[in-house]
Amino acid sequence: SVLTDFENNTFTPTPPHVAALGKTLDQVLAWSAALATLRV
């Protein structure tokens, strides 16, 4: 959110942001591996 997640025009990630990014990246990596055989 540009209203609540920035402090003095600097993005300040919170623990929920870090957790969400970790889960998102984990899913992207898992799905990428699963789709590799389809790409081949």
PDB file of all heavy atoms in Angstrom:
ATOM      1  N   SER A   1       0.831  -1.204   0.000  1.00  0.00           N
ATOM      2  CA  SER A   1       0.000   0.000   0.000  1.00  0.00           C
ATOM      3  C   SER A   1       0.862   1.248   0.000  1.00  0.00           C
ATOM      4  O   SER A   1       1.763   1.386   0.829  1.00  0.00           O
ATOM      5  CB  SER A   1      -0.914   0.027   1.226  1.00  0.00           C
ATOM      6  OG  SER A   1      -1.557   1.280   1.329  1.00  0.00           O
ATOM      7  N   VAL A   2       0.568   2.155  -0.920  1.00  0.00           N
ATOM      8  CA  VAL A   2       1.313   3.412  -0.942  1.00  0.00           C
ATOM      9  C   VAL A   2       0.885   4.322   0.202  1.00  0.00           C
ATOM     10  O   VAL A   2       1.561   5.309   0.492  1.00  0.00           O
ATOM     11  CB  VAL A   2       1.186   4.143  -2.296  1.00  0.00           C
ATOM     12  CG1 VAL A   2       1.813   3.331  -3.414  1.00  0.00           C
ATOM     13  CG2 VAL A   2      -0.257   4.484  -2.605  1.00  0.00           C
ATOM     14  N   LEU A   3      -0.211   3.988   0.869  1.00  0.00           N
ATOM     15  CA  LEU A   3      -0.694   4.810   1.986  1.00  0.00           C
ATOM     16  C   LEU A   3      -0.082   4.413   3.321  1.00  0.00           C
ATOM     17  O   LEU A   3       0.144   5.272   4.174  1.00  0.00           O
ATOM     18  CB  LEU A   3      -2.218   4.726   2.081  1.00  0.00           C
ATOM     19  CG  LEU A   3      -2.999   5.221   0.875  1.00  0.00           C
ATOM     20  CD1 LEU A   3      -4.492   5.013   1.088  1.00  0.00           C
ATOM     21  CD2 LEU A   3      -2.685   6.677   0.587  1.00  0.00           C
ATOM     22  N   THR A   4       0.167   3.112   3.516  1.00  0.00           N
ATOM     23  CA  THR A   4       0.593   2.653   4.841  1.00  0.00           C
ATOM     24  C   THR A   4       1.960   1.975   4.887  1.00  0.00           C
ATOM     25  O   THR A   4       2.507   1.805   5.969  1.00  0.00           O
ATOM     26  CB  THR A   4      -0.446   1.673   5.418  1.00  0.00           C
ATOM     27  OG1 THR A   4      -0.561   0.548   4.530  1.00  0.00           O
ATOM     28  CG2 THR A   4      -1.799   2.344   5.588  1.00  0.00           C
ATOM     29  N   ASP A   5       2.491   1.574   3.750  1.00  0.00           N
ATOM     30  CA  ASP A   5       3.716   0.784   3.747  1.00  0.00           C
ATOM     31  C   ASP A   5       4.975   1.580   3.406  1.00  0.00           C
ATOM     32  O   ASP A   5       6.036   1.003   3.207  1.00  0.00           O
ATOM     33  CB  ASP A   5       3.586  -0.395   2.780  1.00  0.00           C
ATOM     34  CG  ASP A   5       2.510  -1.365   3.229  1.00  0.00           C
ATOM     35  OD1 ASP A   5       2.292  -1.495   4.449  1.00  0.00           O
ATOM     36  OD2 ASP A   5       1.882  -1.991   2.362  1.00  0.00           O
ATOM     37  N   PHE A   6       4.839   2.886   3.321  1.00  0.00           N
ATOM     38  CA  PHE A   6       5.989   3.741   3.041  1.00  0.00           C
ATOM     39  C   PHE A   6       6.180   4.716   4.188  1.00  0.00           C
ATOM     40  O   PHE A   6       5.221   5.234   4.741  1.00  0.00           O
ATOM     41  CB  PHE A   6       5.782   4.524   1.734  1.00  0.00           C
ATOM     42  CG  PHE A   6       5.936   3.686   0.511  1.00  0.00           C
ATOM     43  CD1 PHE A   6       4.906   2.871   0.076  1.00  0.00           C
ATOM     44  CD2 PHE A   6       7.124   3.700  -0.207  1.00  0.00           C
ATOM     45  CE1 PHE A   6       5.035   2.088  -1.053  1.00  0.00           C
ATOM     46  CE2 PHE A   6       7.267   2.919  -1.342  1.00  0.00           C
ATOM     47  CZ  PHE A   6       6.222   2.109  -1.762  1.00  0.00           C
ATOM     48  N   GLU A   7       7.435   4.950   4.542  1.00  0.00           N
ATOM     49  CA  GLU A   7       7.767   5.896   5.592  1.00  0.00           C
ATOM     50  C   GLU A   7       8.779   6.871   5.012  1.00  0.00           C
ATOM     51  O   GLU A   7       9.862   6.464   4.586  1.00  0.00           O
ATOM     52  CB  GLU A   7       8.362   5.145   6.787  1.00  0.00           C
ATOM     53  CG  GLU A   7       8.519   5.989   8.017  1.00  0.00           C
ATOM     54  CD  GLU A   7       8.945   5.128   9.195  1.00  0.00           C
ATOM     55  OE1 GLU A   7       8.222   4.176   9.528  1.00  0.00           O
ATOM     56  OE2 GLU A   7      10.024   5.423   9.745  1.00  0.00           O
ATOM     57  N   ASN A   8       8.400   8.143   4.930  1.00  0.00           N
ATOM     58  CA  ASN A   8       9.260   9.164   4.313  1.00  0.00           C
ATOM     59  C   ASN A   8       9.670   8.774   2.891  1.00  0.00           C
ATOM     60  O   ASN A   8      10.833   8.842   2.517  1.00  0.00           O
ATOM     61  CB  ASN A   8      10.504   9.432   5.167  1.00  0.00           C
ATOM     62  CG  ASN A   8      10.148   9.964   6.529  1.00  0.00           C
ATOM     63  OD1 ASN A   8       9.227  10.764   6.672  1.00  0.00           O
ATOM     64  ND2 ASN A   8      10.866   9.518   7.541  1.00  0.00           N
ATOM     65  N   ASN A   9       8.689   8.329   2.109  1.00  0.00           N
ATOM     66  CA  ASN A   9       8.888   7.917   0.710  1.00  0.00           C
ATOM     67  C   ASN A   9       9.797   6.704   0.544  1.00  0.00           C
ATOM     68  O   ASN A   9      10.333   6.468  -0.529  1.00  0.00           O
ATOM     69  CB  ASN A   9       9.410   9.071  -0.142  1.00  0.00           C
ATOM     70  CG  ASN A   9       8.385  10.169  -0.275  1.00  0.00           C
ATOM     71  OD1 ASN A   9       7.189   9.894  -0.346  1.00  0.00           O
ATOM     72  ND2 ASN A   9       8.836  11.402  -0.298  1.00  0.00           N
ATOM     73  N   THR A  10      10.000   5.936   1.593  1.00  0.00           N
ATOM     74  CA  THR A  10      10.824   4.734   1.543  1.00  0.00           C
ATOM     75  C   THR A  10       9.967   3.544   1.937  1.00  0.00           C
ATOM     76  O   THR A  10       9.306   3.565   2.979  1.00  0.00           O
ATOM     77  CB  THR A  10      12.019   4.846   2.506  1.00  0.00           C
ATOM     78  OG1 THR A  10      12.780   6.006   2.151  1.00  0.00           O
ATOM     79  CG2 THR A  10      12.889   3.617   2.442  1.00  0.00           C
ATOM     80  N   PHE A  11       9.986   2.511   1.089  1.00  0.00           N
ATOM     81  CA  PHE A  11       9.237   1.300   1.410  1.00  0.00           C
ATOM     82  C   PHE A  11       9.837   0.644   2.636  1.00  0.00           C
ATOM     83  O   PHE A  11      11.041   0.421   2.715  1.00  0.00           O
ATOM     84  CB  PHE A  11       9.246   0.334   0.226  1.00  0.00           C
ATOM     85  CG  PHE A  11       8.606  -0.990   0.542  1.00  0.00           C
ATOM     86  CD1 PHE A  11       7.297  -1.063   0.983  1.00  0.00           C
ATOM     87  CD2 PHE A  11       9.329  -2.155   0.392  1.00  0.00           C
ATOM     88  CE1 PHE A  11       6.713  -2.283   1.272  1.00  0.00           C
ATOM     89  CE2 PHE A  11       8.758  -3.379   0.666  1.00  0.00           C
ATOM     90  CZ  PHE A  11       7.442  -3.441   1.115  1.00  0.00           C
ATOM     91  N   THR A  12       8.992   0.368   3.597  1.00  0.00           N
ATOM     92  CA  THR A  12       9.414  -0.267   4.832  1.00  0.00           C
ATOM     93  C   THR A  12       8.696  -1.607   4.952  1.00  0.00           C
ATOM     94  O   THR A  12       7.555  -1.661   5.413  1.00  0.00           O
ATOM     95  CB  THR A  12       9.075   0.625   6.050  1.00  0.00           C
ATOM     96  OG1 THR A  12       9.541   1.953   5.786  1.00  0.00           O
ATOM     97  CG2 THR A  12       9.708   0.107   7.308  1.00  0.00           C
ATOM     98  N   PRO A  13       9.321  -2.699   4.502  1.00  0.00           N
ATOM     99  CA  PRO A  13       8.640  -3.987   4.554  1.00  0.00           C
ATOM    100  C   PRO A  13       8.383  -4.428   5.989  1.00  0.00           C
ATOM    101  O   PRO A  13       9.199  -4.204   6.878  1.00  0.00           O
ATOM    102  CB  PRO A  13       9.592  -4.943   3.842  1.00  0.00           C
ATOM    103  CG  PRO A  13      10.905  -4.261   3.809  1.00  0.00           C
ATOM    104  CD  PRO A  13      10.665  -2.795   3.949  1.00  0.00           C
ATOM    105  N   THR A  14       7.237  -5.036   6.171  1.00  0.00           N
ATOM    106  CA  THR A  14       6.849  -5.561   7.471  1.00  0.00           C
ATOM    107  C   THR A  14       6.999  -7.080   7.444  1.00  0.00           C
ATOM    108  O   THR A  14       7.135  -7.669   6.373  1.00  0.00           O
ATOM    109  CB  THR A  14       5.391  -5.194   7.783  1.00  0.00           C
ATOM    110  OG1 THR A  14       4.547  -5.806   6.793  1.00  0.00           O
ATOM    111  CG2 THR A  14       5.187  -3.681   7.791  1.00  0.00           C
ATOM    112  N   PRO A  15       6.960  -7.732   8.596  1.00  0.00           N
ATOM    113  CA  PRO A  15       7.039  -9.204   8.594  1.00  0.00           C
ATOM    114  C   PRO A  15       5.984  -9.870   7.682  1.00  0.00           C
ATOM    115  O   PRO A  15       6.322 -10.834   6.998  1.00  0.00           O
ATOM    116  CB  PRO A  15       6.857  -9.572  10.070  1.00  0.00           C
ATOM    117  CG  PRO A  15       7.452  -8.399  10.798  1.00  0.00           C
ATOM    118  CD  PRO A  15       7.038  -7.197   9.973  1.00  0.00           C
ATOM    119  N   PRO A  16       4.735  -9.364   7.618  1.00  0.00           N
ATOM    120  CA  PRO A  16       3.797  -9.983   6.667  1.00  0.00           C
ATOM    121  C   PRO A  16       4.222  -9.844   5.201  1.00  0.00           C
ATOM    122  O   PRO A  16       3.995 -10.750   4.397  1.00  0.00           O
ATOM    123  CB  PRO A  16       2.480  -9.240   6.922  1.00  0.00           C
ATOM    124  CG  PRO A  16       2.577  -8.770   8.333  1.00  0.00           C
ATOM    125  CD  PRO A  16       4.036  -8.431   8.521  1.00  0.00           C
ATOM    126  N   HIS A  17       4.882  -8.722   4.840  1.00  0.00           N
ATOM    127  CA  HIS A  17       5.393  -8.568   3.471  1.00  0.00           C
ATOM    128  C   HIS A  17       6.476  -9.612   3.184  1.00  0.00           C
ATOM    129  O   HIS A  17       6.477 -10.242   2.119  1.00  0.00           O
ATOM    130  CB  HIS A  17       6.007  -7.179   3.250  1.00  0.00           C
ATOM    131  CG  HIS A  17       5.020  -6.079   3.184  1.00  0.00           C
ATOM    132  ND1 HIS A  17       5.057  -5.026   4.061  1.00  0.00           N
ATOM    133  CD2 HIS A  17       3.963  -5.854   2.360  1.00  0.00           C
ATOM    134  CE1 HIS A  17       4.077  -4.190   3.779  1.00  0.00           C
ATOM    135  NE2 HIS A  17       3.385  -4.681   2.752  1.00  0.00           N
ATOM    136  N   VAL A  18       7.374  -9.775   4.125  1.00  0.00           N
ATOM    137  CA  VAL A  18       8.472 -10.725   3.955  1.00  0.00           C
ATOM    138  C   VAL A  18       7.916 -12.141   3.844  1.00  0.00           C
ATOM    139  O   VAL A  18       8.334 -12.932   2.979  1.00  0.00           O
ATOM    140  CB  VAL A  18       9.483 -10.607   5.116  1.00  0.00           C
ATOM    141  CG1 VAL A  18      10.551 -11.685   5.034  1.00  0.00           C
ATOM    142  CG2 VAL A  18      10.115  -9.222   5.123  1.00  0.00           C
ATOM    143  N   ALA A  19       6.940 -12.467   4.684  1.00  0.00           N
ATOM    144  CA  ALA A  19       6.332 -13.800   4.638  1.00  0.00           C
ATOM    145  C   ALA A  19       5.602 -14.023   3.314  1.00  0.00           C
ATOM    146  O   ALA A  19       5.725 -15.094   2.705  1.00  0.00           O
ATOM    147  CB  ALA A  19       5.372 -13.979   5.811  1.00  0.00           C
ATOM    148  N   ALA A  20       4.860 -13.023   2.866  1.00  0.00           N
ATOM    149  CA  ALA A  20       4.129 -13.149   1.600  1.00  0.00           C
ATOM    150  C   ALA A  20       5.087 -13.317   0.437  1.00  0.00           C
ATOM    151  O   ALA A  20       4.850 -14.128  -0.470  1.00  0.00           O
ATOM    152  CB  ALA A  20       3.226 -11.934   1.380  1.00  0.00           C
ATOM    153  N   LEU A  21       6.193 -12.582   0.439  1.00  0.00           N
ATOM    154  CA  LEU A  21       7.179 -12.719  -0.633  1.00  0.00           C
ATOM    155  C   LEU A  21       7.796 -14.111  -0.618  1.00  0.00           C
ATOM    156  O   LEU A  21       7.950 -14.751  -1.666  1.00  0.00           O
ATOM    157  CB  LEU A  21       8.266 -11.649  -0.522  1.00  0.00           C
ATOM    158  CG  LEU A  21       9.344 -11.706  -1.598  1.00  0.00           C
ATOM    159  CD1 LEU A  21       8.745 -11.538  -2.999  1.00  0.00           C
ATOM    160  CD2 LEU A  21      10.404 -10.647  -1.336  1.00  0.00           C
ATOM    161  N   GLY A  22       8.117 -14.604   0.561  1.00  0.00           N
ATOM    162  CA  GLY A  22       8.684 -15.952   0.676  1.00  0.00           C
ATOM    163  C   GLY A  22       7.728 -17.011   0.135  1.00  0.00           C
ATOM    164  O   GLY A  22       8.132 -17.901  -0.625  1.00  0.00           O
ATOM    165  N   LYS A  23       6.458 -16.914   0.507  1.00  0.00           N
ATOM    166  CA  LYS A  23       5.469 -17.883   0.023  1.00  0.00           C
ATOM    167  C   LYS A  23       5.289 -17.773  -1.485  1.00  0.00           C
ATOM    168  O   LYS A  23       5.157 -18.786  -2.184  1.00  0.00           O
ATOM    169  CB  LYS A  23       4.132 -17.672   0.732  1.00  0.00           C
ATOM    170  CG  LYS A  23       4.145 -18.100   2.180  1.00  0.00           C
ATOM    171  CD  LYS A  23       2.810 -17.828   2.850  1.00  0.00           C
ATOM    172  CE  LYS A  23       2.823 -18.254   4.294  1.00  0.00           C
ATOM    173  NZ  LYS A  23       1.544 -17.973   4.963  1.00  0.00           N
ATOM    174  N   THR A  24       5.259 -16.542  -1.992  1.00  0.00           N
ATOM    175  CA  THR A  24       5.091 -16.343  -3.434  1.00  0.00           C
ATOM    176  C   THR A  24       6.269 -16.937  -4.196  1.00  0.00           C
ATOM    177  O   THR A  24       6.091 -17.666  -5.175  1.00  0.00           O
ATOM    178  CB  THR A  24       4.945 -14.843  -3.761  1.00  0.00           C
ATOM    179  OG1 THR A  24       3.840 -14.310  -3.016  1.00  0.00           O
ATOM    180  CG2 THR A  24       4.697 -14.620  -5.238  1.00  0.00           C
ATOM    181  N   LEU A  25       7.489 -16.636  -3.758  1.00  0.00           N
ATOM    182  CA  LEU A  25       8.682 -17.172  -4.426  1.00  0.00           C
ATOM    183  C   LEU A  25       8.735 -18.695  -4.339  1.00  0.00           C
ATOM    184  O   LEU A  25       9.078 -19.367  -5.322  1.00  0.00           O
ATOM    185  CB  LEU A  25       9.948 -16.560  -3.834  1.00  0.00           C
ATOM    186  CG  LEU A  25      10.180 -15.089  -4.158  1.00  0.00           C
ATOM    187  CD1 LEU A  25      11.362 -14.545  -3.359  1.00  0.00           C
ATOM    188  CD2 LEU A  25      10.385 -14.878  -5.640  1.00  0.00           C
ATOM    189  N   ASP A  26       8.373 -19.250  -3.180  1.00  0.00           N
ATOM    190  CA  ASP A  26       8.353 -20.706  -3.035  1.00  0.00           C
ATOM    191  C   ASP A  26       7.392 -21.335  -4.035  1.00  0.00           C
ATOM    192  O   ASP A  26       7.704 -22.350  -4.665  1.00  0.00           O
ATOM    193  CB  ASP A  26       7.952 -21.111  -1.612  1.00  0.00           C
ATOM    194  CG  ASP A  26       9.045 -20.856  -0.588  1.00  0.00           C
ATOM    195  OD1 ASP A  26      10.206 -20.616  -0.990  1.00  0.00           O
ATOM    196  OD2 ASP A  26       8.726 -20.895   0.621  1.00  0.00           O
ATOM    197  N   GLN A  27       6.208 -20.720  -4.198  1.00  0.00           N
ATOM    198  CA  GLN A  27       5.242 -21.254  -5.152  1.00  0.00           C
ATOM    199  C   GLN A  27       5.729 -21.120  -6.590  1.00  0.00           C
ATOM    200  O   GLN A  27       5.556 -22.039  -7.391  1.00  0.00           O
ATOM    201  CB  GLN A  27       3.886 -20.558  -5.004  1.00  0.00           C
ATOM    202  CG  GLN A  27       3.064 -21.063  -3.852  1.00  0.00           C
ATOM    203  CD  GLN A  27       1.639 -20.563  -3.934  1.00  0.00           C
ATOM    204  OE1 GLN A  27       1.357 -19.493  -4.466  1.00  0.00           O
ATOM    205  NE2 GLN A  27       0.728 -21.339  -3.391  1.00  0.00           N
ATOM    206  N   VAL A  28       6.329 -19.994  -6.924  1.00  0.00           N
ATOM    207  CA  VAL A  28       6.835 -19.811  -8.284  1.00  0.00           C
ATOM    208  C   VAL A  28       7.906 -20.862  -8.588  1.00  0.00           C
ATOM    209  O   VAL A  28       7.900 -21.474  -9.673  1.00  0.00           O
ATOM    210  CB  VAL A  28       7.387 -18.386  -8.501  1.00  0.00           C
ATOM    211  CG1 VAL A  28       8.188 -18.289  -9.786  1.00  0.00           C
ATOM    212  CG2 VAL A  28       6.254 -17.376  -8.511  1.00  0.00           C
ATOM    213  N   LEU A  29       8.792 -21.107  -7.657  1.00  0.00           N
ATOM    214  CA  LEU A  29       9.834 -22.123  -7.872  1.00  0.00           C
ATOM    215  C   LEU A  29       9.236 -23.519  -8.004  1.00  0.00           C
ATOM    216  O   LEU A  29       9.632 -24.297  -8.888  1.00  0.00           O
ATOM    217  CB  LEU A  29      10.861 -22.084  -6.740  1.00  0.00           C
ATOM    218  CG  LEU A  29      11.742 -20.839  -6.702  1.00  0.00           C
ATOM    219  CD1 LEU A  29      12.589 -20.816  -5.431  1.00  0.00           C
ATOM    220  CD2 LEU A  29      12.613 -20.755  -7.940  1.00  0.00           C
ATOM    221  N   ALA A  30       8.277 -23.856  -7.147  1.00  0.00           N
ATOM    222  CA  ALA A  30       7.653 -25.176  -7.207  1.00  0.00           C
ATOM    223  C   ALA A  30       6.894 -25.370  -8.519  1.00  0.00           C
ATOM    224  O   ALA A  30       7.014 -26.414  -9.171  1.00  0.00           O
ATOM    225  CB  ALA A  30       6.718 -25.369  -6.011  1.00  0.00           C
ATOM    226  N   TRP A  31       6.116 -24.378  -8.910  1.00  0.00           N
ATOM    227  CA  TRP A  31       5.362 -24.476 -10.168  1.00  0.00           C
ATOM    228  C   TRP A  31       6.302 -24.499 -11.363  1.00  0.00           C
ATOM    229  O   TRP A  31       6.047 -25.191 -12.353  1.00  0.00           O
ATOM    230  CB  TRP A  31       4.376 -23.312 -10.292  1.00  0.00           C
ATOM    231  CG  TRP A  31       3.098 -23.571  -9.552  1.00  0.00           C
ATOM    232  CD1 TRP A  31       2.847 -23.338  -8.230  1.00  0.00           C
ATOM    233  CD2 TRP A  31       1.903 -24.128 -10.099  1.00  0.00           C
ATOM    234  NE1 TRP A  31       1.565 -23.710  -7.932  1.00  0.00           N
ATOM    235  CE2 TRP A  31       0.956 -24.190  -9.062  1.00  0.00           C
ATOM    236  CE3 TRP A  31       1.538 -24.554 -11.366  1.00  0.00           C
ATOM    237  CZ2 TRP A  31      -0.325 -24.679  -9.252  1.00  0.00           C
ATOM    238  CZ3 TRP A  31       0.260 -25.039 -11.558  1.00  0.00           C
ATOM    239  CH2 TRP A  31      -0.660 -25.108 -10.510  1.00  0.00           C
ATOM    240  N   SER A  32       7.387 -23.745 -11.299  1.00  0.00           N
ATOM    241  CA  SER A  32       8.352 -23.741 -12.398  1.00  0.00           C
ATOM    242  C   SER A  32       8.949 -25.134 -12.587  1.00  0.00           C
ATOM    243  O   SER A  32       9.095 -25.614 -13.715  1.00  0.00           O
ATOM    244  CB  SER A  32       9.467 -22.736 -12.142  1.00  0.00           C
ATOM    245  OG  SER A  32       8.955 -21.431 -12.188  1.00  0.00           O
ATOM    246  N   ALA A  33       9.292 -25.769 -11.492  1.00  0.00           N
ATOM    247  CA  ALA A  33       9.849 -27.123 -11.568  1.00  0.00           C
ATOM    248  C   ALA A  33       8.808 -28.094 -12.121  1.00  0.00           C
ATOM    249  O   ALA A  33       9.126 -28.943 -12.964  1.00  0.00           O
ATOM    250  CB  ALA A  33      10.323 -27.572 -10.189  1.00  0.00           C
ATOM    251  N   ALA A  34       7.571 -27.967 -11.674  1.00  0.00           N
ATOM    252  CA  ALA A  34       6.513 -28.865 -12.147  1.00  0.00           C
ATOM    253  C   ALA A  34       6.222 -28.667 -13.631  1.00  0.00           C
ATOM    254  O   ALA A  34       5.923 -29.626 -14.345  1.00  0.00           O
ATOM    255  CB  ALA A  34       5.241 -28.643 -11.326  1.00  0.00           C
ATOM    256  N   LEU A  35       6.319 -27.446 -14.104  1.00  0.00           N
ATOM    257  CA  LEU A  35       6.023 -27.156 -15.509  1.00  0.00           C
ATOM    258  C   LEU A  35       7.194 -27.449 -16.443  1.00  0.00           C
ATOM    259  O   LEU A  35       7.037 -27.428 -17.665  1.00  0.00           O
ATOM    260  CB  LEU A  35       5.607 -25.693 -15.656  1.00  0.00           C
ATOM    261  CG  LEU A  35       4.248 -25.334 -15.049  1.00  0.00           C
ATOM    262  CD1 LEU A  35       4.086 -23.823 -14.983  1.00  0.00           C
ATOM    263  CD2 LEU A  35       3.124 -25.966 -15.846  1.00  0.00           C
ATOM    264  N   ALA A  36       8.367 -27.721 -15.892  1.00  0.00           N
ATOM    265  CA  ALA A  36       9.552 -27.956 -16.723  1.00  0.00           C
ATOM    266  C   ALA A  36       9.339 -29.107 -17.692  1.00  0.00           C
ATOM    267  O   ALA A  36       9.731 -29.021 -18.864  1.00  0.00           O
ATOM    268  CB  ALA A  36      10.774 -28.207 -15.847  1.00  0.00           C
ATOM    269  N   THR A  37       8.726 -30.189 -17.249  1.00  0.00           N
ATOM    270  CA  THR A  37       8.512 -31.328 -18.143  1.00  0.00           C
ATOM    271  C   THR A  37       7.553 -30.967 -19.273  1.00  0.00           C
ATOM    272  O   THR A  37       7.721 -31.436 -20.396  1.00  0.00           O
ATOM    273  CB  THR A  37       7.968 -32.546 -17.377  1.00  0.00           C
ATOM    274  OG1 THR A  37       6.777 -32.160 -16.672  1.00  0.00           O
ATOM    275  CG2 THR A  37       8.984 -33.068 -16.389  1.00  0.00           C
ATOM    276  N   LEU A  38       6.590 -30.117 -18.992  1.00  0.00           N
ATOM    277  CA  LEU A  38       5.667 -29.674 -20.040  1.00  0.00           C
ATOM    278  C   LEU A  38       6.395 -28.822 -21.075  1.00  0.00           C
ATOM    279  O   LEU A  38       6.175 -28.968 -22.275  1.00  0.00           O
ATOM    280  CB  LEU A  38       4.514 -28.881 -19.416  1.00  0.00           C
ATOM    281  CG  LEU A  38       3.391 -28.446 -20.331  1.00  0.00           C
ATOM    282  CD1 LEU A  38       2.757 -29.635 -21.031  1.00  0.00           C
ATOM    283  CD2 LEU A  38       2.348 -27.681 -19.546  1.00  0.00           C
ATOM    284  N   ARG A  39       7.292 -27.957 -20.603  1.00  0.00           N
ATOM    285  CA  ARG A  39       8.073 -27.126 -21.539  1.00  0.00           C
ATOM    286  C   ARG A  39       8.961 -27.990 -22.421  1.00  0.00           C
ATOM    287  O   ARG A  39       9.071 -27.774 -23.619  1.00  0.00           O
ATOM    288  CB  ARG A  39       8.891 -26.086 -20.783  1.00  0.00           C
ATOM    289  CG  ARG A  39       8.061 -24.961 -20.191  1.00  0.00           C
ATOM    290  CD  ARG A  39       8.931 -23.834 -19.696  1.00  0.00           C
ATOM    291  NE  ARG A  39       9.889 -24.233 -18.677  1.00  0.00           N
ATOM    292  CZ  ARG A  39       9.636 -24.297 -17.371  1.00  0.00           C
ATOM    293  NH1 ARG A  39       8.436 -23.991 -16.908  1.00  0.00           N
ATOM    294  NH2 ARG A  39      10.580 -24.658 -16.521  1.00  0.00           N
ATOM    295  N   VAL A  40       9.584 -29.016 -21.846  1.00  0.00           N
ATOM    296  CA  VAL A  40      10.434 -29.917 -22.617  1.00  0.00           C
ATOM    297  C   VAL A  40       9.598 -30.669 -23.642  1.00  0.00           C
ATOM    298  O   VAL A  40       9.994 -30.788 -24.799  1.00  0.00           O
ATOM    299  CB  VAL A  40      11.188 -30.904 -21.681  1.00  0.00           C
ATOM    300  CG1 VAL A  40      11.851 -32.002 -22.470  1.00  0.00           C
ATOM    301  CG2 VAL A  40      12.202 -30.149 -20.847  1.00  0.00           C
TER     302      VAL A  40
END
